[in-house]
């Protein structure tokens, strides 16, 4: 099963569909990652906060030793938490992540949240660029940044992040932020693409899914992929891993996309289900 690649502004590229690992730990994480590799997944997303870098590293290295995959075929992302912002702290945090993952380099390293209250995300990004120059990181980006923080980051460093990983799902597609991304050649990556399950239980999405003999989850993933968005759904079950991967081959019609464009999720009318990065971490 073929997953398309999405280009970065630094001439590298990344599989558009990957596996998120938030709240996956222990043997459950190891087994899920090994299963995913067996199915054809090559893009894996973790973070210091997830406390599973060691398990992901074990699964990846077990698979490489078994000859199931090579390092060049893998794309591994991790993220620095806001308590390690600043030049000295991010260096140590990155080294610890690399050690736990048992890797010589990361394909992508992200600032997990801008944490504007701390005022150190620019300095942190500059140190990440230094590590990139040393060959320890292939590409650098951010997560949960909004337009003002992106503008400041670019203006003060002269570096455009390759990617911004944000809350994004049917019903909350952040068109203004994505327009800014497109203007600056920044890839948009969606975490929580199924909106806490609200999308897969929506009757309109279920109707589109029935028309294609697909699942509602596959429709949601295919919808985001069709918009050029990278998606990292998480799953521990082989059946769901297979379904999510197959979503890359599902083609939706204009009418289908219009249905999902009109979707509403959440109770406050905004569509956002998680913390606003302007306020979190507080």
C-alpha atoms as a PDB file:
ATOM      1  CA  UNK A   1       0.000   0.000   0.000  1.00  0.00           C
ATOM      2  CA  UNK A   2       1.569   3.258  -1.136  1.00  0.00           C
ATOM      3  CA  UNK A   3       1.598   6.422   0.999  1.00  0.00           C
ATOM      4  CA  UNK A   4       2.280   9.684  -0.867  1.00  0.00           C
ATOM      5  CA  UNK A   5       5.168  11.901   0.180  1.00  0.00           C
ATOM      6  CA  UNK A   6       4.803  15.578   0.986  1.00  0.00           C
ATOM      7  CA  UNK A   7       7.714  17.951   0.195  1.00  0.00           C
ATOM      8  CA  UNK A   8       9.386  20.266   2.704  1.00  0.00           C
ATOM      9  CA  UNK A   9      10.787  23.723   2.053  1.00  0.00           C
ATOM     10  CA  UNK A  10      14.305  22.386   2.771  1.00  0.00           C
ATOM     11  CA  UNK A  11      14.192  19.946  -0.187  1.00  0.00           C
ATOM     12  CA  UNK A  12      13.420  16.942   1.990  1.00  0.00           C
ATOM     13  CA  UNK A  13      10.144  15.042   2.099  1.00  0.00           C
ATOM     14  CA  UNK A  14       7.984  13.058   4.496  1.00  0.00           C
ATOM     15  CA  UNK A  15       5.328  10.336   4.181  1.00  0.00           C
ATOM     16  CA  UNK A  16       2.036  12.233   4.339  1.00  0.00           C
ATOM     17  CA  UNK A  17       0.406   9.614   6.569  1.00  0.00           C
ATOM     18  CA  UNK A  18       2.051   8.337   9.737  1.00  0.00           C
ATOM     19  CA  UNK A  19       1.369   6.816  13.134  1.00  0.00           C
ATOM     20  CA  UNK A  20       0.857   9.008  16.183  1.00  0.00           C
ATOM     21  CA  UNK A  21       1.899   7.455  19.490  1.00  0.00           C
ATOM     22  CA  UNK A  22       0.388   9.731  22.160  1.00  0.00           C
ATOM     23  CA  UNK A  23      -0.610   7.726  25.269  1.00  0.00           C
ATOM     24  CA  UNK A  24       0.924   4.539  23.846  1.00  0.00           C
ATOM     25  CA  UNK A  25       3.451   3.063  26.285  1.00  0.00           C
ATOM     26  CA  UNK A  26       5.143  -0.177  27.260  1.00  0.00           C
ATOM     27  CA  UNK A  27       4.630  -3.369  25.287  1.00  0.00           C
ATOM     28  CA  UNK A  28       1.474  -1.905  23.792  1.00  0.00           C
ATOM     29  CA  UNK A  29       3.566   0.752  22.035  1.00  0.00           C
ATOM     30  CA  UNK A  30       6.290  -1.681  20.986  1.00  0.00           C
ATOM     31  CA  UNK A  31       3.796  -4.148  19.526  1.00  0.00           C
ATOM     32  CA  UNK A  32       1.783  -1.468  17.731  1.00  0.00           C
ATOM     33  CA  UNK A  33       4.881   0.008  16.094  1.00  0.00           C
ATOM     34  CA  UNK A  34       6.168  -3.405  15.003  1.00  0.00           C
ATOM     35  CA  UNK A  35       2.720  -4.177  13.587  1.00  0.00           C
ATOM     36  CA  UNK A  36       2.657  -0.829  11.794  1.00  0.00           C
ATOM     37  CA  UNK A  37       6.075  -1.403  10.235  1.00  0.00           C
ATOM     38  CA  UNK A  38       4.921  -4.818   9.040  1.00  0.00           C
ATOM     39  CA  UNK A  39       1.916  -3.167   7.374  1.00  0.00           C
ATOM     40  CA  UNK A  40       3.992  -0.520   5.620  1.00  0.00           C
ATOM     41  CA  UNK A  41       4.050   2.477   7.981  1.00  0.00           C
ATOM     42  CA  UNK A  42       7.328   4.374   7.859  1.00  0.00           C
ATOM     43  CA  UNK A  43       6.439   7.675   9.557  1.00  0.00           C
ATOM     44  CA  UNK A  44       6.260   7.691  13.377  1.00  0.00           C
ATOM     45  CA  UNK A  45       5.543  10.621  15.680  1.00  0.00           C
ATOM     46  CA  UNK A  46       6.534  10.871  19.347  1.00  0.00           C
ATOM     47  CA  UNK A  47       7.551  13.509  21.906  1.00  0.00           C
ATOM     48  CA  UNK A  48       9.342  13.868  25.218  1.00  0.00           C
ATOM     49  CA  UNK A  49       5.934  14.410  26.834  1.00  0.00           C
ATOM     50  CA  UNK A  50       4.641  11.041  25.604  1.00  0.00           C
ATOM     51  CA  UNK A  51       7.224   9.139  27.680  1.00  0.00           C
ATOM     52  CA  UNK A  52       7.457   6.422  25.034  1.00  0.00           C
ATOM     53  CA  UNK A  53      10.590   7.321  23.081  1.00  0.00           C
ATOM     54  CA  UNK A  54      12.414   4.323  24.568  1.00  0.00           C
ATOM     55  CA  UNK A  55       9.650   1.933  23.506  1.00  0.00           C
ATOM     56  CA  UNK A  56       9.481   3.430  20.022  1.00  0.00           C
ATOM     57  CA  UNK A  57      13.258   3.194  19.777  1.00  0.00           C
ATOM     58  CA  UNK A  58      13.212  -0.458  20.811  1.00  0.00           C
ATOM     59  CA  UNK A  59      10.540  -1.305  18.241  1.00  0.00           C
ATOM     60  CA  UNK A  60      12.356   0.539  15.461  1.00  0.00           C
ATOM     61  CA  UNK A  61      15.707  -1.016  16.239  1.00  0.00           C
ATOM     62  CA  UNK A  62      14.236  -4.505  16.601  1.00  0.00           C
ATOM     63  CA  UNK A  63      12.666  -4.077  13.157  1.00  0.00           C
ATOM     64  CA  UNK A  64      15.912  -2.813  11.635  1.00  0.00           C
ATOM     65  CA  UNK A  65      17.917  -5.672  13.129  1.00  0.00           C
ATOM     66  CA  UNK A  66      15.356  -8.134  11.756  1.00  0.00           C
ATOM     67  CA  UNK A  67      15.763  -6.642   8.291  1.00  0.00           C
ATOM     68  CA  UNK A  68      12.133  -5.496   8.142  1.00  0.00           C
ATOM     69  CA  UNK A  69      13.081  -1.885   7.429  1.00  0.00           C
ATOM     70  CA  UNK A  70      16.171   0.292   7.012  1.00  0.00           C
ATOM     71  CA  UNK A  71      16.890   3.572   8.767  1.00  0.00           C
ATOM     72  CA  UNK A  72      16.722   5.435   5.461  1.00  0.00           C
ATOM     73  CA  UNK A  73      13.159   4.201   4.965  1.00  0.00           C
ATOM     74  CA  UNK A  74      11.996   5.540   8.327  1.00  0.00           C
ATOM     75  CA  UNK A  75      10.829   9.050   9.181  1.00  0.00           C
ATOM     76  CA  UNK A  76      10.937   9.785  12.911  1.00  0.00           C
ATOM     77  CA  UNK A  77       9.623  12.918  14.613  1.00  0.00           C
ATOM     78  CA  UNK A  78      10.018  13.978  18.234  1.00  0.00           C
ATOM     79  CA  UNK A  79       9.277  17.195  20.109  1.00  0.00           C
ATOM     80  CA  UNK A  80      10.796  19.277  22.888  1.00  0.00           C
ATOM     81  CA  UNK A  81       8.492  20.164  25.788  1.00  0.00           C
ATOM     82  CA  UNK A  82       8.227  23.736  27.049  1.00  0.00           C
ATOM     83  CA  UNK A  83      10.176  23.002  30.253  1.00  0.00           C
ATOM     84  CA  UNK A  84      13.252  22.505  28.049  1.00  0.00           C
ATOM     85  CA  UNK A  85      13.024  25.754  26.089  1.00  0.00           C
ATOM     86  CA  UNK A  86      16.277  27.715  25.863  1.00  0.00           C
ATOM     87  CA  UNK A  87      19.616  26.964  24.200  1.00  0.00           C
ATOM     88  CA  UNK A  88      21.157  24.907  27.001  1.00  0.00           C
ATOM     89  CA  UNK A  89      18.037  22.977  27.928  1.00  0.00           C
ATOM     90  CA  UNK A  90      16.934  22.002  24.428  1.00  0.00           C
ATOM     91  CA  UNK A  91      20.382  20.594  23.662  1.00  0.00           C
ATOM     92  CA  UNK A  92      20.165  18.257  26.661  1.00  0.00           C
ATOM     93  CA  UNK A  93      16.547  17.333  25.923  1.00  0.00           C
ATOM     94  CA  UNK A  94      17.356  16.500  22.319  1.00  0.00           C
ATOM     95  CA  UNK A  95      20.332  14.344  23.315  1.00  0.00           C
ATOM     96  CA  UNK A  96      18.133  12.424  25.746  1.00  0.00           C
ATOM     97  CA  UNK A  97      15.486  11.850  23.073  1.00  0.00           C
ATOM     98  CA  UNK A  98      18.076  10.595  20.610  1.00  0.00           C
ATOM     99  CA  UNK A  99      19.521   8.256  23.241  1.00  0.00           C
ATOM    100  CA  UNK A 100      16.121   6.784  24.110  1.00  0.00           C
ATOM    101  CA  UNK A 101      15.244   6.346  20.442  1.00  0.00           C
ATOM    102  CA  UNK A 102      18.627   4.645  19.822  1.00  0.00           C
ATOM    103  CA  UNK A 103      19.106   6.759  16.703  1.00  0.00           C
ATOM    104  CA  UNK A 104      21.989   8.779  15.271  1.00  0.00           C
ATOM    105  CA  UNK A 105      19.723  11.548  14.017  1.00  0.00           C
ATOM    106  CA  UNK A 106      16.092  12.648  13.895  1.00  0.00           C
ATOM    107  CA  UNK A 107      14.246  13.270  10.656  1.00  0.00           C
ATOM    108  CA  UNK A 108      12.181  16.034  12.256  1.00  0.00           C
ATOM    109  CA  UNK A 109      12.383  17.837  15.601  1.00  0.00           C
ATOM    110  CA  UNK A 110       9.596  20.163  16.721  1.00  0.00           C
ATOM    111  CA  UNK A 111       8.939  22.727  19.430  1.00  0.00           C
ATOM    112  CA  UNK A 112       5.886  21.090  21.005  1.00  0.00           C
ATOM    113  CA  UNK A 113       4.124  24.305  22.124  1.00  0.00           C
ATOM    114  CA  UNK A 114       5.220  27.925  21.631  1.00  0.00           C
ATOM    115  CA  UNK A 115       4.651  28.817  25.310  1.00  0.00           C
ATOM    116  CA  UNK A 116       4.828  32.562  24.621  1.00  0.00           C
ATOM    117  CA  UNK A 117       4.764  33.260  28.354  1.00  0.00           C
ATOM    118  CA  UNK A 118       8.280  31.846  28.621  1.00  0.00           C
ATOM    119  CA  UNK A 119       9.598  33.948  25.760  1.00  0.00           C
ATOM    120  CA  UNK A 120      12.197  31.374  24.695  1.00  0.00           C
ATOM    121  CA  UNK A 121      10.810  29.714  21.581  1.00  0.00           C
ATOM    122  CA  UNK A 122      12.994  31.810  19.249  1.00  0.00           C
ATOM    123  CA  UNK A 123      16.161  30.925  21.167  1.00  0.00           C
ATOM    124  CA  UNK A 124      15.063  27.299  21.246  1.00  0.00           C
ATOM    125  CA  UNK A 125      14.535  27.209  17.493  1.00  0.00           C
ATOM    126  CA  UNK A 126      17.945  28.789  16.869  1.00  0.00           C
ATOM    127  CA  UNK A 127      19.577  26.031  18.919  1.00  0.00           C
ATOM    128  CA  UNK A 128      17.629  23.424  16.972  1.00  0.00           C
ATOM    129  CA  UNK A 129      19.009  24.979  13.779  1.00  0.00           C
ATOM    130  CA  UNK A 130      22.520  24.615  15.201  1.00  0.00           C
ATOM    131  CA  UNK A 131      21.899  20.916  15.876  1.00  0.00           C
ATOM    132  CA  UNK A 132      20.555  20.616  12.348  1.00  0.00           C
ATOM    133  CA  UNK A 133      23.775  22.116  11.016  1.00  0.00           C
ATOM    134  CA  UNK A 134      25.709  19.442  12.916  1.00  0.00           C
ATOM    135  CA  UNK A 135      23.750  16.716  11.121  1.00  0.00           C
ATOM    136  CA  UNK A 136      21.820  15.523  14.167  1.00  0.00           C
ATOM    137  CA  UNK A 137      18.459  16.732  12.862  1.00  0.00           C
ATOM    138  CA  UNK A 138      17.421  16.588   9.215  1.00  0.00           C
ATOM    139  CA  UNK A 139      14.543  19.099   9.425  1.00  0.00           C
ATOM    140  CA  UNK A 140      13.172  21.438  12.090  1.00  0.00           C
ATOM    141  CA  UNK A 141       9.635  22.622  12.679  1.00  0.00           C
ATOM    142  CA  UNK A 142       7.042  23.538  15.273  1.00  0.00           C
ATOM    143  CA  UNK A 143       3.746  22.377  16.730  1.00  0.00           C
ATOM    144  CA  UNK A 144       0.738  24.308  17.973  1.00  0.00           C
ATOM    145  CA  UNK A 145       2.114  27.630  16.740  1.00  0.00           C
ATOM    146  CA  UNK A 146      -0.338  30.309  15.632  1.00  0.00           C
ATOM    147  CA  UNK A 147       0.267  33.045  13.079  1.00  0.00           C
ATOM    148  CA  UNK A 148       1.756  35.648  15.421  1.00  0.00           C
ATOM    149  CA  UNK A 149       4.315  33.227  16.850  1.00  0.00           C
ATOM    150  CA  UNK A 150       5.202  31.962  13.379  1.00  0.00           C
ATOM    151  CA  UNK A 151       5.699  35.522  12.156  1.00  0.00           C
ATOM    152  CA  UNK A 152       8.016  36.347  15.046  1.00  0.00           C
ATOM    153  CA  UNK A 153       9.950  33.104  14.669  1.00  0.00           C
ATOM    154  CA  UNK A 154      10.580  33.684  10.966  1.00  0.00           C
ATOM    155  CA  UNK A 155      11.387  37.382  11.385  1.00  0.00           C
ATOM    156  CA  UNK A 156      13.888  36.872  14.205  1.00  0.00           C
ATOM    157  CA  UNK A 157      15.633  33.718  12.952  1.00  0.00           C
ATOM    158  CA  UNK A 158      15.347  34.038   9.186  1.00  0.00           C
ATOM    159  CA  UNK A 159      14.372  30.362   9.161  1.00  0.00           C
ATOM    160  CA  UNK A 160      11.001  29.072   8.009  1.00  0.00           C
ATOM    161  CA  UNK A 161       9.939  25.901   9.847  1.00  0.00           C
ATOM    162  CA  UNK A 162       9.203  23.030   7.482  1.00  0.00           C
ATOM    163  CA  UNK A 163       6.027  22.030   9.324  1.00  0.00           C
ATOM    164  CA  UNK A 164       3.507  23.107  11.944  1.00  0.00           C
ATOM    165  CA  UNK A 165       1.643  20.284  13.694  1.00  0.00           C
ATOM    166  CA  UNK A 166      -1.685  21.556  15.022  1.00  0.00           C
ATOM    167  CA  UNK A 167      -5.127  20.466  16.138  1.00  0.00           C
ATOM    168  CA  UNK A 168      -6.992  19.971  12.889  1.00  0.00           C
ATOM    169  CA  UNK A 169      -9.907  17.771  11.888  1.00  0.00           C
ATOM    170  CA  UNK A 170     -13.186  17.941   9.971  1.00  0.00           C
ATOM    171  CA  UNK A 171     -15.122  20.742  11.628  1.00  0.00           C
ATOM    172  CA  UNK A 172     -11.926  22.569  12.583  1.00  0.00           C
ATOM    173  CA  UNK A 173      -9.668  22.930   9.545  1.00  0.00           C
ATOM    174  CA  UNK A 174      -8.054  26.271  10.471  1.00  0.00           C
ATOM    175  CA  UNK A 175      -8.255  27.800   6.955  1.00  0.00           C
ATOM    176  CA  UNK A 176      -6.595  31.110   7.903  1.00  0.00           C
ATOM    177  CA  UNK A 177      -3.621  29.376   9.496  1.00  0.00           C
ATOM    178  CA  UNK A 178      -3.317  26.982   6.551  1.00  0.00           C
ATOM    179  CA  UNK A 179      -3.335  29.938   4.175  1.00  0.00           C
ATOM    180  CA  UNK A 180      -0.407  31.422   6.105  1.00  0.00           C
ATOM    181  CA  UNK A 181       1.341  28.056   5.931  1.00  0.00           C
ATOM    182  CA  UNK A 182       0.820  27.877   2.172  1.00  0.00           C
ATOM    183  CA  UNK A 183       2.162  31.402   1.679  1.00  0.00           C
ATOM    184  CA  UNK A 184       5.353  30.433   3.526  1.00  0.00           C
ATOM    185  CA  UNK A 185       5.674  26.862   2.211  1.00  0.00           C
ATOM    186  CA  UNK A 186       5.037  25.312   5.623  1.00  0.00           C
ATOM    187  CA  UNK A 187       3.464  21.844   5.751  1.00  0.00           C
ATOM    188  CA  UNK A 188       0.323  21.550   7.868  1.00  0.00           C
ATOM    189  CA  UNK A 189       0.148  18.390   9.971  1.00  0.00           C
ATOM    190  CA  UNK A 190      -2.993  17.346  11.842  1.00  0.00           C
ATOM    191  CA  UNK A 191      -3.079  15.804  15.262  1.00  0.00           C
ATOM    192  CA  UNK A 192      -6.417  14.453  16.536  1.00  0.00           C
ATOM    193  CA  UNK A 193      -7.722  14.046  12.956  1.00  0.00           C
ATOM    194  CA  UNK A 194     -10.797  12.162  14.212  1.00  0.00           C
ATOM    195  CA  UNK A 195     -11.774  14.845  16.764  1.00  0.00           C
ATOM    196  CA  UNK A 196     -12.012  12.606  19.830  1.00  0.00           C
ATOM    197  CA  UNK A 197     -14.327  10.283  17.922  1.00  0.00           C
ATOM    198  CA  UNK A 198     -16.898  12.990  17.149  1.00  0.00           C
ATOM    199  CA  UNK A 199     -16.190  12.712  13.428  1.00  0.00           C
ATOM    200  CA  UNK A 200     -16.566   8.945  13.169  1.00  0.00           C
ATOM    201  CA  UNK A 201     -19.920   9.100  14.960  1.00  0.00           C
ATOM    202  CA  UNK A 202     -21.301  11.875  12.761  1.00  0.00           C
ATOM    203  CA  UNK A 203     -24.232  10.657  10.593  1.00  0.00           C
ATOM    204  CA  UNK A 204     -23.194  12.780   7.588  1.00  0.00           C
ATOM    205  CA  UNK A 205     -19.688  11.313   7.650  1.00  0.00           C
ATOM    206  CA  UNK A 206     -21.144   7.838   8.035  1.00  0.00           C
ATOM    207  CA  UNK A 207     -23.278   8.434   4.941  1.00  0.00           C
ATOM    208  CA  UNK A 208     -20.225   9.414   2.880  1.00  0.00           C
ATOM    209  CA  UNK A 209     -18.409   6.357   4.213  1.00  0.00           C
ATOM    210  CA  UNK A 210     -21.264   4.029   3.262  1.00  0.00           C
ATOM    211  CA  UNK A 211     -21.203   5.365  -0.290  1.00  0.00           C
ATOM    212  CA  UNK A 212     -17.525   4.412  -0.601  1.00  0.00           C
ATOM    213  CA  UNK A 213     -17.798   1.172   1.403  1.00  0.00           C
ATOM    214  CA  UNK A 214     -15.288   2.708   3.796  1.00  0.00           C
ATOM    215  CA  UNK A 215     -15.243   3.623   7.477  1.00  0.00           C
ATOM    216  CA  UNK A 216     -15.991   7.097   8.813  1.00  0.00           C
ATOM    217  CA  UNK A 217     -12.414   7.265  10.074  1.00  0.00           C
ATOM    218  CA  UNK A 218     -11.081   6.555   6.596  1.00  0.00           C
ATOM    219  CA  UNK A 219     -13.263   9.319   5.173  1.00  0.00           C
ATOM    220  CA  UNK A 220     -11.957  11.833   7.729  1.00  0.00           C
ATOM    221  CA  UNK A 221      -8.339  10.916   6.997  1.00  0.00           C
ATOM    222  CA  UNK A 222      -8.859  10.950   3.220  1.00  0.00           C
ATOM    223  CA  UNK A 223     -10.522  14.372   3.519  1.00  0.00           C
ATOM    224  CA  UNK A 224      -7.463  15.868   5.219  1.00  0.00           C
ATOM    225  CA  UNK A 225      -5.039  14.157   2.844  1.00  0.00           C
ATOM    226  CA  UNK A 226      -6.986  15.592  -0.111  1.00  0.00           C
ATOM    227  CA  UNK A 227      -6.356  19.069   1.283  1.00  0.00           C
ATOM    228  CA  UNK A 228      -2.601  18.439   1.316  1.00  0.00           C
ATOM    229  CA  UNK A 229      -2.482  17.998   5.082  1.00  0.00           C
ATOM    230  CA  UNK A 230      -0.234  15.442   6.766  1.00  0.00           C
ATOM    231  CA  UNK A 231      -2.101  13.160   9.166  1.00  0.00           C
ATOM    232  CA  UNK A 232      -0.865  11.085  12.118  1.00  0.00           C
ATOM    233  CA  UNK A 233      -3.805   9.091  13.521  1.00  0.00           C
ATOM    234  CA  UNK A 234      -2.978   6.748  16.375  1.00  0.00           C
ATOM    235  CA  UNK A 235      -4.118   3.181  16.853  1.00  0.00           C
ATOM    236  CA  UNK A 236      -3.051   0.122  18.788  1.00  0.00           C
ATOM    237  CA  UNK A 237      -5.109  -2.396  16.801  1.00  0.00           C
ATOM    238  CA  UNK A 238      -3.980  -4.048  13.573  1.00  0.00           C
ATOM    239  CA  UNK A 239      -7.427  -3.735  12.003  1.00  0.00           C
ATOM    240  CA  UNK A 240      -7.479   0.021  12.586  1.00  0.00           C
ATOM    241  CA  UNK A 241      -3.878   0.413  11.422  1.00  0.00           C
ATOM    242  CA  UNK A 242      -4.847  -1.287   8.154  1.00  0.00           C
ATOM    243  CA  UNK A 243      -7.916   0.931   7.758  1.00  0.00           C
ATOM    244  CA  UNK A 244      -6.022   4.153   8.402  1.00  0.00           C
ATOM    245  CA  UNK A 245      -3.303   3.255   5.917  1.00  0.00           C
ATOM    246  CA  UNK A 246      -5.880   2.339   3.265  1.00  0.00           C
ATOM    247  CA  UNK A 247      -7.403   5.820   3.602  1.00  0.00           C
ATOM    248  CA  UNK A 248      -4.499   7.101   1.490  1.00  0.00           C
ATOM    249  CA  UNK A 249      -6.105   5.387  -1.512  1.00  0.00           C
ATOM    250  CA  UNK A 250      -9.654   6.652  -0.911  1.00  0.00           C
ATOM    251  CA  UNK A 251     -10.726   9.353  -3.371  1.00  0.00           C
ATOM    252  CA  UNK A 252     -13.546  11.635  -2.280  1.00  0.00           C
ATOM    253  CA  UNK A 253     -15.769  13.595  -4.649  1.00  0.00           C
ATOM    254  CA  UNK A 254     -16.334  17.349  -4.489  1.00  0.00           C
ATOM    255  CA  UNK A 255     -19.724  16.675  -2.940  1.00  0.00           C
ATOM    256  CA  UNK A 256     -18.136  14.471  -0.287  1.00  0.00           C
ATOM    257  CA  UNK A 257     -15.616  17.167   0.576  1.00  0.00           C
ATOM    258  CA  UNK A 258     -18.386  19.770   0.745  1.00  0.00           C
ATOM    259  CA  UNK A 259     -20.195  17.620   3.314  1.00  0.00           C
ATOM    260  CA  UNK A 260     -17.125  17.489   5.523  1.00  0.00           C
ATOM    261  CA  UNK A 261     -16.396  21.182   4.978  1.00  0.00           C
ATOM    262  CA  UNK A 262     -19.774  21.923   6.551  1.00  0.00           C
ATOM    263  CA  UNK A 263     -19.259  19.709   9.578  1.00  0.00           C
ATOM    264  CA  UNK A 264     -19.600  21.183  13.064  1.00  0.00           C
ATOM    265  CA  UNK A 265     -17.937  19.652  16.129  1.00  0.00           C
ATOM    266  CA  UNK A 266     -17.539  20.783  19.727  1.00  0.00           C
ATOM    267  CA  UNK A 267     -19.979  22.640  21.868  1.00  0.00           C
ATOM    268  CA  UNK A 268     -18.695  26.218  21.708  1.00  0.00           C
ATOM    269  CA  UNK A 269     -19.099  26.725  17.966  1.00  0.00           C
ATOM    270  CA  UNK A 270     -15.380  27.144  17.275  1.00  0.00           C
ATOM    271  CA  UNK A 271     -14.701  23.511  16.430  1.00  0.00           C
ATOM    272  CA  UNK A 272     -11.640  23.471  18.692  1.00  0.00           C
ATOM    273  CA  UNK A 273     -11.702  20.554  21.126  1.00  0.00           C
ATOM    274  CA  UNK A 274      -8.388  21.027  22.890  1.00  0.00           C
ATOM    275  CA  UNK A 275      -6.378  23.856  24.457  1.00  0.00           C
ATOM    276  CA  UNK A 276      -5.858  27.122  22.598  1.00  0.00           C
ATOM    277  CA  UNK A 277      -2.060  27.470  22.155  1.00  0.00           C
ATOM    278  CA  UNK A 278      -2.332  31.166  23.018  1.00  0.00           C
ATOM    279  CA  UNK A 279      -3.254  30.102  26.541  1.00  0.00           C
ATOM    280  CA  UNK A 280      -1.498  26.759  27.002  1.00  0.00           C
ATOM    281  CA  UNK A 281       0.656  25.856  28.821  1.00  0.00           C
ATOM    282  CA  UNK A 282      -0.381  28.524  31.293  1.00  0.00           C
END
